[in-house]
Amino acid sequence: MSTTAENETDGVTVTPAAAEQARSLLEGEGMDTDEAGLRLFVQQGGCAGLSYGMRFDDSPESEDRVENHHGLRLFVDPSSLNYVDGAVVDFDDGLQSAGFHVENPNAESECGCGESFRT
């Protein structure tokens, strides 16, 4: 399993607000926050070509990069890390844009809703 210290890339940053929200949701699902974590991945799709995905996993896969942010474990597979290295995961609880958001410096363009991007 990779860790931030062993890897030459910057990885992904998770803000305190996003980590707190994700930990709260993990606990609400009855998942062990010492082992489980938030998986960030990139998949084909969306109007700009690629889209972000997030889900909770019980544990990381053997090739995942595992990072710890404010008590939250973040799992990113190697191919997704190529697209999201240096990105910031944030959480906004505003009325019009509540939810997790990825600010990605690798994205050349994004669709209007910010859910898909092109590199």
PDB file of N, CA and C in Angstrom:
ATOM      1  N   MET A   1       0.833  -1.171   0.000  1.00  0.00           N
ATOM      2  CA  MET A   1       0.000   0.000   0.000  1.00  0.00           C
ATOM      3  C   MET A   1       0.880   1.237   0.000  1.00  0.00           C
ATOM      4  N   SER A   2       0.573   2.201  -0.826  1.00  0.00           N
ATOM      5  CA  SER A   2       1.345   3.431  -0.877  1.00  0.00           C
ATOM      6  C   SER A   2       0.890   4.395   0.206  1.00  0.00           C
ATOM      7  N   THR A   3       1.788   5.247   0.590  1.00  0.00           N
ATOM      8  CA  THR A   3       1.448   6.320   1.519  1.00  0.00           C
ATOM      9  C   THR A   3       2.000   7.610   0.976  1.00  0.00           C
ATOM     10  N   THR A   4       1.556   8.719   1.526  1.00  0.00           N
ATOM     11  CA  THR A   4       2.018  10.018   1.061  1.00  0.00           C
ATOM     12  C   THR A   4       3.528  10.134   1.176  1.00  0.00           C
ATOM     13  N   ALA A   5       4.116   9.699   2.276  1.00  0.00           N
ATOM     14  CA  ALA A   5       5.548   9.851   2.494  1.00  0.00           C
ATOM     15  C   ALA A   5       6.377   9.047   1.502  1.00  0.00           C
ATOM     16  N   GLU A   6       5.859   7.923   1.008  1.00  0.00           N
ATOM     17  CA  GLU A   6       6.609   7.071   0.109  1.00  0.00           C
ATOM     18  C   GLU A   6       6.458   7.473  -1.350  1.00  0.00           C
ATOM     19  N   ASN A   7       5.509   8.316  -1.645  1.00  0.00           N
ATOM     20  CA  ASN A   7       5.187   8.597  -3.030  1.00  0.00           C
ATOM     21  C   ASN A   7       5.768   9.939  -3.435  1.00  0.00           C
ATOM     22  N   GLU A   8       6.232  10.044  -4.691  1.00  0.00           N
ATOM     23  CA  GLU A   8       6.839  11.280  -5.153  1.00  0.00           C
ATOM     24  C   GLU A   8       5.809  12.316  -5.590  1.00  0.00           C
ATOM     25  N   THR A   9       4.555  11.962  -5.670  1.00  0.00           N
ATOM     26  CA  THR A   9       3.522  12.902  -6.066  1.00  0.00           C
ATOM     27  C   THR A   9       2.975  13.627  -4.845  1.00  0.00           C
ATOM     28  N   ASP A  10       2.280  14.718  -5.089  1.00  0.00           N
ATOM     29  CA  ASP A  10       1.731  15.524  -4.008  1.00  0.00           C
ATOM     30  C   ASP A  10       0.504  14.897  -3.373  1.00  0.00           C
ATOM     31  N   GLY A  11      -0.239  14.139  -4.149  1.00  0.00           N
ATOM     32  CA  GLY A  11      -1.459  13.550  -3.630  1.00  0.00           C
ATOM     33  C   GLY A  11      -2.626  14.511  -3.700  1.00  0.00           C
ATOM     34  N   VAL A  12      -3.619  14.220  -2.900  1.00  0.00           N
ATOM     35  CA  VAL A  12      -4.861  14.984  -2.859  1.00  0.00           C
ATOM     36  C   VAL A  12      -4.989  15.583  -1.466  1.00  0.00           C
ATOM     37  N   THR A  13      -5.489  16.798  -1.388  1.00  0.00           N
ATOM     38  CA  THR A  13      -5.731  17.452  -0.106  1.00  0.00           C
ATOM     39  C   THR A  13      -7.222  17.385   0.192  1.00  0.00           C
ATOM     40  N   VAL A  14      -7.564  17.084   1.431  1.00  0.00           N
ATOM     41  CA  VAL A  14      -8.958  17.103   1.878  1.00  0.00           C
ATOM     42  C   VAL A  14      -9.071  18.188   2.933  1.00  0.00           C
ATOM     43  N   THR A  15     -10.008  19.105   2.738  1.00  0.00           N
ATOM     44  CA  THR A  15     -10.177  20.191   3.698  1.00  0.00           C
ATOM     45  C   THR A  15     -10.781  19.652   4.998  1.00  0.00           C
ATOM     46  N   PRO A  16     -10.613  20.394   6.088  1.00  0.00           N
ATOM     47  CA  PRO A  16     -11.230  19.974   7.347  1.00  0.00           C
ATOM     48  C   PRO A  16     -12.745  19.786   7.234  1.00  0.00           C
ATOM     49  N   ALA A  17     -13.422  20.671   6.507  1.00  0.00           N
ATOM     50  CA  ALA A  17     -14.883  20.567   6.356  1.00  0.00           C
ATOM     51  C   ALA A  17     -15.265  19.278   5.629  1.00  0.00           C
ATOM     52  N   ALA A  18     -14.533  18.932   4.574  1.00  0.00           N
ATOM     53  CA  ALA A  18     -14.831  17.709   3.824  1.00  0.00           C
ATOM     54  C   ALA A  18     -14.537  16.476   4.667  1.00  0.00           C
ATOM     55  N   ALA A  19     -13.427  16.496   5.391  1.00  0.00           N
ATOM     56  CA  ALA A  19     -13.072  15.347   6.235  1.00  0.00           C
ATOM     57  C   ALA A  19     -14.117  15.139   7.326  1.00  0.00           C
ATOM     58  N   GLU A  20     -14.551  16.218   7.952  1.00  0.00           N
ATOM     59  CA  GLU A  20     -15.558  16.110   9.015  1.00  0.00           C
ATOM     60  C   GLU A  20     -16.866  15.539   8.472  1.00  0.00           C
ATOM     61  N   GLN A  21     -17.304  16.028   7.327  1.00  0.00           N
ATOM     62  CA  GLN A  21     -18.556  15.546   6.730  1.00  0.00           C
ATOM     63  C   GLN A  21     -18.444  14.077   6.346  1.00  0.00           C
ATOM     64  N   ALA A  22     -17.334  13.692   5.721  1.00  0.00           N
ATOM     65  CA  ALA A  22     -17.152  12.301   5.305  1.00  0.00           C
ATOM     66  C   ALA A  22     -17.078  11.371   6.510  1.00  0.00           C
ATOM     67  N   ARG A  23     -16.353  11.776   7.557  1.00  0.00           N
ATOM     68  CA  ARG A  23     -16.273  10.948   8.771  1.00  0.00           C
ATOM     69  C   ARG A  23     -17.659  10.774   9.387  1.00  0.00           C
ATOM     70  N   SER A  24     -18.436  11.832   9.412  1.00  0.00           N
ATOM     71  CA  SER A  24     -19.791  11.770   9.960  1.00  0.00           C
ATOM     72  C   SER A  24     -20.658  10.794   9.155  1.00  0.00           C
ATOM     73  N   LEU A  25     -20.543  10.839   7.844  1.00  0.00           N
ATOM     74  CA  LEU A  25     -21.311   9.923   6.992  1.00  0.00           C
ATOM     75  C   LEU A  25     -20.843   8.483   7.163  1.00  0.00           C
ATOM     76  N   LEU A  26     -19.530   8.278   7.266  1.00  0.00           N
ATOM     77  CA  LEU A  26     -18.993   6.935   7.499  1.00  0.00           C
ATOM     78  C   LEU A  26     -19.532   6.362   8.800  1.00  0.00           C
ATOM     79  N   GLU A  27     -19.492   7.157   9.855  1.00  0.00           N
ATOM     80  CA  GLU A  27     -19.987   6.708  11.153  1.00  0.00           C
ATOM     81  C   GLU A  27     -21.482   6.423  11.097  1.00  0.00           C
ATOM     82  N   GLY A  28     -22.217   7.238  10.336  1.00  0.00           N
ATOM     83  CA  GLY A  28     -23.648   7.024  10.170  1.00  0.00           C
ATOM     84  C   GLY A  28     -23.966   5.724   9.462  1.00  0.00           C
ATOM     85  N   GLU A  29     -23.036   5.271   8.626  1.00  0.00           N
ATOM     86  CA  GLU A  29     -23.196   3.986   7.928  1.00  0.00           C
ATOM     87  C   GLU A  29     -22.724   2.828   8.787  1.00  0.00           C
ATOM     88  N   GLY A  30     -22.208   3.120   9.986  1.00  0.00           N
ATOM     89  CA  GLY A  30     -21.717   2.080  10.875  1.00  0.00           C
ATOM     90  C   GLY A  30     -20.374   1.517  10.460  1.00  0.00           C
ATOM     91  N   MET A  31     -19.611   2.265   9.679  1.00  0.00           N
ATOM     92  CA  MET A  31     -18.309   1.796   9.195  1.00  0.00           C
ATOM     93  C   MET A  31     -17.210   2.180  10.182  1.00  0.00           C
ATOM     94  N   ASP A  32     -16.201   1.335  10.296  1.00  0.00           N
ATOM     95  CA  ASP A  32     -15.060   1.555  11.176  1.00  0.00           C
ATOM     96  C   ASP A  32     -14.152   2.609  10.545  1.00  0.00           C
ATOM     97  N   THR A  33     -14.089   3.797  11.118  1.00  0.00           N
ATOM     98  CA  THR A  33     -13.308   4.883  10.524  1.00  0.00           C
ATOM     99  C   THR A  33     -11.805   4.669  10.643  1.00  0.00           C
ATOM    100  N   ASP A  34     -11.367   3.672  11.414  1.00  0.00           N
ATOM    101  CA  ASP A  34      -9.937   3.349  11.468  1.00  0.00           C
ATOM    102  C   ASP A  34      -9.496   2.564  10.236  1.00  0.00           C
ATOM    103  N   GLU A  35     -10.410   1.829   9.613  1.00  0.00           N
ATOM    104  CA  GLU A  35     -10.103   1.027   8.433  1.00  0.00           C
ATOM    105  C   GLU A  35     -10.762   1.579   7.166  1.00  0.00           C
ATOM    106  N   ALA A  36     -12.015   1.974   7.274  1.00  0.00           N
ATOM    107  CA  ALA A  36     -12.780   2.445   6.121  1.00  0.00           C
ATOM    108  C   ALA A  36     -12.336   3.848   5.727  1.00  0.00           C
ATOM    109  N   GLY A  37     -12.716   4.240   4.532  1.00  0.00           N
ATOM    110  CA  GLY A  37     -12.363   5.575   4.074  1.00  0.00           C
ATOM    111  C   GLY A  37     -13.162   6.001   2.861  1.00  0.00           C
ATOM    112  N   LEU A  38     -12.846   7.181   2.410  1.00  0.00           N
ATOM    113  CA  LEU A  38     -13.471   7.760   1.228  1.00  0.00           C
ATOM    114  C   LEU A  38     -12.600   7.443   0.021  1.00  0.00           C
ATOM    115  N   ARG A  39     -13.203   6.869  -1.003  1.00  0.00           N
ATOM    116  CA  ARG A  39     -12.486   6.591  -2.251  1.00  0.00           C
ATOM    117  C   ARG A  39     -12.822   7.691  -3.246  1.00  0.00           C
ATOM    118  N   LEU A  40     -11.779   8.303  -3.800  1.00  0.00           N
ATOM    119  CA  LEU A  40     -11.918   9.277  -4.874  1.00  0.00           C
ATOM    120  C   LEU A  40     -11.408   8.603  -6.141  1.00  0.00           C
ATOM    121  N   PHE A  41     -12.212   8.643  -7.205  1.00  0.00           N
ATOM    122  CA  PHE A  41     -11.791   8.017  -8.457  1.00  0.00           C
ATOM    123  C   PHE A  41     -12.262   8.835  -9.642  1.00  0.00           C
ATOM    124  N   VAL A  42     -11.661   8.543 -10.785  1.00  0.00           N
ATOM    125  CA  VAL A  42     -12.011   9.197 -12.042  1.00  0.00           C
ATOM    126  C   VAL A  42     -12.497   8.116 -12.987  1.00  0.00           C
ATOM    127  N   GLN A  43     -13.574   8.431 -13.705  1.00  0.00           N
ATOM    128  CA  GLN A  43     -14.136   7.480 -14.659  1.00  0.00           C
ATOM    129  C   GLN A  43     -14.513   8.204 -15.943  1.00  0.00           C
ATOM    130  N   GLN A  44     -14.649   7.434 -17.014  1.00  0.00           N
ATOM    131  CA  GLN A  44     -15.098   7.993 -18.283  1.00  0.00           C
ATOM    132  C   GLN A  44     -16.545   8.406 -18.133  1.00  0.00           C
ATOM    133  N   GLY A  45     -16.894   9.550 -18.685  1.00  0.00           N
ATOM    134  CA  GLY A  45     -18.284   9.974 -18.663  1.00  0.00           C
ATOM    135  C   GLY A  45     -18.414  11.459 -18.414  1.00  0.00           C
ATOM    136  N   GLY A  46     -19.629  11.910 -18.450  1.00  0.00           N
ATOM    137  CA  GLY A  46     -19.895  13.333 -18.271  1.00  0.00           C
ATOM    138  C   GLY A  46     -19.736  14.066 -19.588  1.00  0.00           C
ATOM    139  N   CYS A  47     -20.224  15.276 -19.631  1.00  0.00           N
ATOM    140  CA  CYS A  47     -20.213  16.029 -20.886  1.00  0.00           C
ATOM    141  C   CYS A  47     -18.823  16.513 -21.280  1.00  0.00           C
ATOM    142  N   ALA A  48     -17.863  16.530 -20.341  1.00  0.00           N
ATOM    143  CA  ALA A  48     -16.510  16.973 -20.671  1.00  0.00           C
ATOM    144  C   ALA A  48     -15.550  15.803 -20.891  1.00  0.00           C
ATOM    145  N   GLY A  49     -16.000  14.562 -20.701  1.00  0.00           N
ATOM    146  CA  GLY A  49     -15.169  13.405 -20.998  1.00  0.00           C
ATOM    147  C   GLY A  49     -14.805  12.538 -19.809  1.00  0.00           C
ATOM    148  N   LEU A  50     -14.464  13.128 -18.670  1.00  0.00           N
ATOM    149  CA  LEU A  50     -14.118  12.400 -17.450  1.00  0.00           C
ATOM    150  C   LEU A  50     -14.959  12.938 -16.312  1.00  0.00           C
ATOM    151  N   SER A  51     -15.262  12.080 -15.344  1.00  0.00           N
ATOM    152  CA  SER A  51     -16.026  12.562 -14.195  1.00  0.00           C
ATOM    153  C   SER A  51     -15.437  12.004 -12.904  1.00  0.00           C
ATOM    154  N   TYR A  52     -15.677  12.733 -11.829  1.00  0.00           N
ATOM    155  CA  TYR A  52     -15.220  12.316 -10.510  1.00  0.00           C
ATOM    156  C   TYR A  52     -16.244  11.383  -9.890  1.00  0.00           C
ATOM    157  N   GLY A  53     -15.769  10.466  -9.115  1.00  0.00           N
ATOM    158  CA  GLY A  53     -16.641   9.605  -8.338  1.00  0.00           C
ATOM    159  C   GLY A  53     -16.112   9.522  -6.921  1.00  0.00           C
ATOM    160  N   MET A  54     -17.000   9.333  -5.979  1.00  0.00           N
ATOM    161  CA  MET A  54     -16.631   9.142  -4.579  1.00  0.00           C
ATOM    162  C   MET A  54     -17.557   8.101  -3.997  1.00  0.00           C
ATOM    163  N   ARG A  55     -16.975   7.255  -3.151  1.00  0.00           N
ATOM    164  CA  ARG A  55     -17.773   6.264  -2.430  1.00  0.00           C
ATOM    165  C   ARG A  55     -16.997   5.882  -1.179  1.00  0.00           C
ATOM    166  N   PHE A  56     -17.685   5.241  -0.258  1.00  0.00           N
ATOM    167  CA  PHE A  56     -17.035   4.737   0.937  1.00  0.00           C
ATOM    168  C   PHE A  56     -16.639   3.288   0.710  1.00  0.00           C
ATOM    169  N   ASP A  57     -15.423   2.941   1.123  1.00  0.00           N
ATOM    170  CA  ASP A  57     -14.940   1.568   1.042  1.00  0.00           C
ATOM    171  C   ASP A  57     -14.513   1.112   2.428  1.00  0.00           C
ATOM    172  N   ASP A  58     -14.714  -0.177   2.704  1.00  0.00           N
ATOM    173  CA  ASP A  58     -14.329  -0.749   3.997  1.00  0.00           C
ATOM    174  C   ASP A  58     -12.827  -0.726   4.222  1.00  0.00           C
ATOM    175  N   SER A  59     -12.060  -0.864   3.142  1.00  0.00           N
ATOM    176  CA  SER A  59     -10.604  -0.875   3.242  1.00  0.00           C
ATOM    177  C   SER A  59     -10.017  -0.548   1.867  1.00  0.00           C
ATOM    178  N   PRO A  60      -8.741  -0.168   1.822  1.00  0.00           N
ATOM    179  CA  PRO A  60      -8.125   0.146   0.536  1.00  0.00           C
ATOM    180  C   PRO A  60      -7.768  -1.108  -0.249  1.00  0.00           C
ATOM    181  N   GLU A  61      -7.604  -0.951  -1.547  1.00  0.00           N
ATOM    182  CA  GLU A  61      -7.071  -2.005  -2.406  1.00  0.00           C
ATOM    183  C   GLU A  61      -5.545  -1.989  -2.268  1.00  0.00           C
ATOM    184  N   SER A  62      -4.887  -3.059  -2.671  1.00  0.00           N
ATOM    185  CA  SER A  62      -3.442  -3.183  -2.463  1.00  0.00           C
ATOM    186  C   SER A  62      -2.623  -2.109  -3.176  1.00  0.00           C
ATOM    187  N   GLU A  63      -3.084  -1.618  -4.318  1.00  0.00           N
ATOM    188  CA  GLU A  63      -2.328  -0.617  -5.080  1.00  0.00           C
ATOM    189  C   GLU A  63      -2.722   0.820  -4.760  1.00  0.00           C
ATOM    190  N   ASP A  64      -3.711   1.019  -3.915  1.00  0.00           N
ATOM    191  CA  ASP A  64      -4.200   2.370  -3.622  1.00  0.00           C
ATOM    192  C   ASP A  64      -3.168   3.228  -2.922  1.00  0.00           C
ATOM    193  N   ARG A  65      -3.235   4.493  -3.202  1.00  0.00           N
ATOM    194  CA  ARG A  65      -2.539   5.491  -2.394  1.00  0.00           C
ATOM    195  C   ARG A  65      -3.476   5.764  -1.227  1.00  0.00           C
ATOM    196  N   VAL A  66      -2.965   5.675  -0.019  1.00  0.00           N
ATOM    197  CA  VAL A  66      -3.771   5.905   1.176  1.00  0.00           C
ATOM    198  C   VAL A  66      -3.228   7.143   1.876  1.00  0.00           C
ATOM    199  N   GLU A  67      -4.099   8.111   2.079  1.00  0.00           N
ATOM    200  CA  GLU A  67      -3.718   9.344   2.752  1.00  0.00           C
ATOM    201  C   GLU A  67      -4.635   9.558   3.949  1.00  0.00           C
ATOM    202  N   ASN A  68      -4.131  10.216   4.953  1.00  0.00           N
ATOM    203  CA  ASN A  68      -4.930  10.562   6.129  1.00  0.00           C
ATOM    204  C   ASN A  68      -5.055  12.073   6.209  1.00  0.00           C
ATOM    205  N   HIS A  69      -6.288  12.535   6.290  1.00  0.00           N
ATOM    206  CA  HIS A  69      -6.568  13.971   6.363  1.00  0.00           C
ATOM    207  C   HIS A  69      -7.578  14.229   7.466  1.00  0.00           C
ATOM    208  N   HIS A  70      -7.136  14.878   8.528  1.00  0.00           N
ATOM    209  CA  HIS A  70      -8.042  15.292   9.602  1.00  0.00           C
ATOM    210  C   HIS A  70      -8.889  14.120  10.108  1.00  0.00           C
ATOM    211  N   GLY A  71      -8.265  12.951  10.261  1.00  0.00           N
ATOM    212  CA  GLY A  71      -8.963  11.779  10.769  1.00  0.00           C
ATOM    213  C   GLY A  71      -9.731  10.985   9.730  1.00  0.00           C
ATOM    214  N   LEU A  72      -9.628  11.360   8.464  1.00  0.00           N
ATOM    215  CA  LEU A  72     -10.297  10.646   7.369  1.00  0.00           C
ATOM    216  C   LEU A  72      -9.253   9.941   6.516  1.00  0.00           C
ATOM    217  N   ARG A  73      -9.495   8.672   6.225  1.00  0.00           N
ATOM    218  CA  ARG A  73      -8.645   7.943   5.284  1.00  0.00           C
ATOM    219  C   ARG A  73      -9.182   8.161   3.871  1.00  0.00           C
ATOM    220  N   LEU A  74      -8.292   8.520   2.956  1.00  0.00           N
ATOM    221  CA  LEU A  74      -8.645   8.748   1.556  1.00  0.00           C
ATOM    222  C   LEU A  74      -7.918   7.705   0.718  1.00  0.00           C
ATOM    223  N   PHE A  75      -8.669   7.027  -0.167  1.00  0.00           N
ATOM    224  CA  PHE A  75      -8.109   6.007  -1.051  1.00  0.00           C
ATOM    225  C   PHE A  75      -8.192   6.505  -2.490  1.00  0.00           C
ATOM    226  N   VAL A  76      -7.064   6.432  -3.212  1.00  0.00           N
ATOM    227  CA  VAL A  76      -7.034   6.815  -4.629  1.00  0.00           C
ATOM    228  C   VAL A  76      -6.246   5.759  -5.386  1.00  0.00           C
ATOM    229  N   ASP A  77      -6.845   5.184  -6.416  1.00  0.00           N
ATOM    230  CA  ASP A  77      -6.143   4.182  -7.222  1.00  0.00           C
ATOM    231  C   ASP A  77      -5.117   4.877  -8.119  1.00  0.00           C
ATOM    232  N   PRO A  78      -4.080   4.169  -8.557  1.00  0.00           N
ATOM    233  CA  PRO A  78      -2.996   4.791  -9.324  1.00  0.00           C
ATOM    234  C   PRO A  78      -3.441   5.492 -10.602  1.00  0.00           C
ATOM    235  N   SER A  79      -4.363   4.903 -11.353  1.00  0.00           N
ATOM    236  CA  SER A  79      -4.776   5.557 -12.603  1.00  0.00           C
ATOM    237  C   SER A  79      -5.560   6.840 -12.329  1.00  0.00           C
ATOM    238  N   SER A  80      -6.375   6.853 -11.293  1.00  0.00           N
ATOM    239  CA  SER A  80      -7.101   8.078 -10.950  1.00  0.00           C
ATOM    240  C   SER A  80      -6.153   9.152 -10.432  1.00  0.00           C
ATOM    241  N   LEU A  81      -5.118   8.737  -9.698  1.00  0.00           N
ATOM    242  CA  LEU A  81      -4.164   9.701  -9.155  1.00  0.00           C
ATOM    243  C   LEU A  81      -3.498  10.497 -10.272  1.00  0.00           C
ATOM    244  N   ASN A  82      -3.326   9.889 -11.436  1.00  0.00           N
ATOM    245  CA  ASN A  82      -2.758  10.617 -12.580  1.00  0.00           C
ATOM    246  C   ASN A  82      -3.588  11.840 -12.937  1.00  0.00           C
ATOM    247  N   TYR A  83      -4.896  11.774 -12.712  1.00  0.00           N
ATOM    248  CA  TYR A  83      -5.795  12.872 -13.059  1.00  0.00           C
ATOM    249  C   TYR A  83      -6.044  13.838 -11.903  1.00  0.00           C
ATOM    250  N   VAL A  84      -5.924  13.365 -10.667  1.00  0.00           N
ATOM    251  CA  VAL A  84      -6.309  14.212  -9.527  1.00  0.00           C
ATOM    252  C   VAL A  84      -5.149  14.605  -8.617  1.00  0.00           C
ATOM    253  N   ASP A  85      -3.921  14.270  -9.003  1.00  0.00           N
ATOM    254  CA  ASP A  85      -2.776  14.640  -8.184  1.00  0.00           C
ATOM    255  C   ASP A  85      -2.727  16.160  -8.022  1.00  0.00           C
ATOM    256  N   GLY A  86      -2.681  16.623  -6.787  1.00  0.00           N
ATOM    257  CA  GLY A  86      -2.668  18.050  -6.494  1.00  0.00           C
ATOM    258  C   GLY A  86      -4.044  18.657  -6.283  1.00  0.00           C
ATOM    259  N   ALA A  87      -5.105  17.860  -6.427  1.00  0.00           N
ATOM    260  CA  ALA A  87      -6.469  18.364  -6.272  1.00  0.00           C
ATOM    261  C   ALA A  87      -6.827  18.548  -4.805  1.00  0.00           C
ATOM    262  N   VAL A  88      -7.892  19.325  -4.582  1.00  0.00           N
ATOM    263  CA  VAL A  88      -8.419  19.580  -3.240  1.00  0.00           C
ATOM    264  C   VAL A  88      -9.876  19.136  -3.205  1.00  0.00           C
ATOM    265  N   VAL A  89     -10.211  18.296  -2.219  1.00  0.00           N
ATOM    266  CA  VAL A  89     -11.598  17.885  -2.003  1.00  0.00           C
ATOM    267  C   VAL A  89     -12.146  18.752  -0.886  1.00  0.00           C
ATOM    268  N   ASP A  90     -13.247  19.427  -1.163  1.00  0.00           N
ATOM    269  CA  ASP A  90     -13.861  20.324  -0.192  1.00  0.00           C
ATOM    270  C   ASP A  90     -15.335  19.963  -0.048  1.00  0.00           C
ATOM    271  N   PHE A  91     -15.952  20.474   0.998  1.00  0.00           N
ATOM    272  CA  PHE A  91     -17.386  20.283   1.199  1.00  0.00           C
ATOM    273  C   PHE A  91     -18.017  21.641   1.418  1.00  0.00           C
ATOM    274  N   ASP A  92     -19.102  21.882   0.699  1.00  0.00           N
ATOM    275  CA  ASP A  92     -19.841  23.135   0.824  1.00  0.00           C
ATOM    276  C   ASP A  92     -21.251  22.794   1.277  1.00  0.00           C
ATOM    277  N   ASP A  93     -21.708  23.451   2.324  1.00  0.00           N
ATOM    278  CA  ASP A  93     -23.066  23.180   2.808  1.00  0.00           C
ATOM    279  C   ASP A  93     -24.017  24.330   2.514  1.00  0.00           C
ATOM    280  N   GLY A  94     -23.723  25.081   1.466  1.00  0.00           N
ATOM    281  CA  GLY A  94     -24.588  26.177   1.056  1.00  0.00           C
ATOM    282  C   GLY A  94     -25.902  25.682   0.471  1.00  0.00           C
ATOM    283  N   LEU A  95     -26.847  26.574   0.335  1.00  0.00           N
ATOM    284  CA  LEU A  95     -28.174  26.211  -0.161  1.00  0.00           C
ATOM    285  C   LEU A  95     -28.160  25.761  -1.612  1.00  0.00           C
ATOM    286  N   GLN A  96     -27.340  26.374  -2.448  1.00  0.00           N
ATOM    287  CA  GLN A  96     -27.382  26.057  -3.870  1.00  0.00           C
ATOM    288  C   GLN A  96     -26.334  25.049  -4.320  1.00  0.00           C
ATOM    289  N   SER A  97     -25.291  24.852  -3.527  1.00  0.00           N
ATOM    290  CA  SER A  97     -24.234  23.946  -4.000  1.00  0.00           C
ATOM    291  C   SER A  97     -23.742  23.026  -2.891  1.00  0.00           C
ATOM    292  N   ALA A  98     -24.650  22.462  -2.125  1.00  0.00           N
ATOM    293  CA  ALA A  98     -24.251  21.571  -1.035  1.00  0.00           C
ATOM    294  C   ALA A  98     -23.660  20.290  -1.590  1.00  0.00           C
ATOM    295  N   GLY A  99     -22.556  19.863  -1.014  1.00  0.00           N
ATOM    296  CA  GLY A  99     -21.944  18.602  -1.404  1.00  0.00           C
ATOM    297  C   GLY A  99     -20.440  18.700  -1.488  1.00  0.00           C
ATOM    298  N   PHE A 100     -19.839  17.577  -1.854  1.00  0.00           N
ATOM    299  CA  PHE A 100     -18.396  17.503  -2.027  1.00  0.00           C
ATOM    300  C   PHE A 100     -18.027  18.056  -3.398  1.00  0.00           C
ATOM    301  N   HIS A 101     -16.900  18.756  -3.455  1.00  0.00           N
ATOM    302  CA  HIS A 101     -16.420  19.341  -4.703  1.00  0.00           C
ATOM    303  C   HIS A 101     -14.930  19.075  -4.834  1.00  0.00           C
ATOM    304  N   VAL A 102     -14.488  18.848  -6.063  1.00  0.00           N
ATOM    305  CA  VAL A 102     -13.073  18.635  -6.332  1.00  0.00           C
ATOM    306  C   VAL A 102     -12.556  19.837  -7.107  1.00  0.00           C
ATOM    307  N   GLU A 103     -11.534  20.481  -6.560  1.00  0.00           N
ATOM    308  CA  GLU A 103     -10.838  21.565  -7.254  1.00  0.00           C
ATOM    309  C   GLU A 103      -9.566  20.949  -7.807  1.00  0.00           C
ATOM    310  N   ASN A 104      -9.512  20.808  -9.126  1.00  0.00           N
ATOM    311  CA  ASN A 104      -8.455  20.041  -9.760  1.00  0.00           C
ATOM    312  C   ASN A 104      -7.582  20.928 -10.649  1.00  0.00           C
ATOM    313  N   PRO A 105      -6.307  21.109 -10.285  1.00  0.00           N
ATOM    314  CA  PRO A 105      -5.424  21.940 -11.113  1.00  0.00           C
ATOM    315  C   PRO A 105      -5.062  21.281 -12.448  1.00  0.00           C
ATOM    316  N   ASN A 106      -5.348  19.995 -12.606  1.00  0.00           N
ATOM    317  CA  ASN A 106      -5.046  19.279 -13.842  1.00  0.00           C
ATOM    318  C   ASN A 106      -6.138  19.421 -14.891  1.00  0.00           C
ATOM    319  N   ALA A 107      -7.297  19.919 -14.498  1.00  0.00           N
ATOM    320  CA  ALA A 107      -8.422  20.045 -15.420  1.00  0.00           C
ATOM    321  C   ALA A 107      -8.230  21.264 -16.316  1.00  0.00           C
ATOM    322  N   GLU A 108      -8.215  21.018 -17.616  1.00  0.00           N
ATOM    323  CA  GLU A 108      -8.120  22.119 -18.578  1.00  0.00           C
ATOM    324  C   GLU A 108      -9.456  22.818 -18.740  1.00  0.00           C
ATOM    325  N   SER A 109     -10.530  22.043 -18.644  1.00  0.00           N
ATOM    326  CA  SER A 109     -11.866  22.617 -18.722  1.00  0.00           C
ATOM    327  C   SER A 109     -12.823  21.729 -17.951  1.00  0.00           C
ATOM    328  N   GLU A 110     -13.917  22.332 -17.482  1.00  0.00           N
ATOM    329  CA  GLU A 110     -14.955  21.611 -16.752  1.00  0.00           C
ATOM    330  C   GLU A 110     -16.301  21.931 -17.368  1.00  0.00           C
ATOM    331  N   CYS A 111     -17.253  21.034 -17.168  1.00  0.00           N
ATOM    332  CA  CYS A 111     -18.610  21.318 -17.625  1.00  0.00           C
ATOM    333  C   CYS A 111     -19.220  22.354 -16.673  1.00  0.00           C
ATOM    334  N   GLY A 112     -20.360  22.857 -16.999  1.00  0.00           N
ATOM    335  CA  GLY A 112     -21.008  23.887 -16.203  1.00  0.00           C
ATOM    336  C   GLY A 112     -21.325  23.472 -14.782  1.00  0.00           C
ATOM    337  N   CYS A 113     -21.627  22.198 -14.559  1.00  0.00           N
ATOM    338  CA  CYS A 113     -21.984  21.759 -13.216  1.00  0.00           C
ATOM    339  C   CYS A 113     -20.752  21.381 -12.391  1.00  0.00           C
ATOM    340  N   GLY A 114     -19.564  21.298 -13.021  1.00  0.00           N
ATOM    341  CA  GLY A 114     -18.333  20.974 -12.308  1.00  0.00           C
ATOM    342  C   GLY A 114     -18.159  19.504 -12.003  1.00  0.00           C
ATOM    343  N   GLU A 115     -19.039  18.649 -12.511  1.00  0.00           N
ATOM    344  CA  GLU A 115     -18.965  17.224 -12.241  1.00  0.00           C
ATOM    345  C   GLU A 115     -18.082  16.462 -13.215  1.00  0.00           C
ATOM    346  N   SER A 116     -17.819  17.035 -14.382  1.00  0.00           N
ATOM    347  CA  SER A 116     -16.949  16.373 -15.337  1.00  0.00           C
ATOM    348  C   SER A 116     -15.905  17.364 -15.832  1.00  0.00           C
ATOM    349  N   PHE A 117     -14.816  16.810 -16.370  1.00  0.00           N
ATOM    350  CA  PHE A 117     -13.690  17.651 -16.755  1.00  0.00           C
ATOM    351  C   PHE A 117     -12.907  17.020 -17.894  1.00  0.00           C
ATOM    352  N   ARG A 118     -11.990  17.799 -18.459  1.00  0.00           N
ATOM    353  CA  ARG A 118     -11.094  17.318 -19.503  1.00  0.00           C
ATOM    354  C   ARG A 118      -9.690  17.760 -19.137  1.00  0.00           C
ATOM    355  N   THR A 119      -8.706  16.895 -19.367  1.00  0.00           N
ATOM    356  CA  THR A 119      -7.311  17.245 -19.093  1.00  0.00           C
ATOM    357  C   THR A 119      -6.561  17.503 -20.381  1.00  0.00           C
TER     358      THR A 119
END
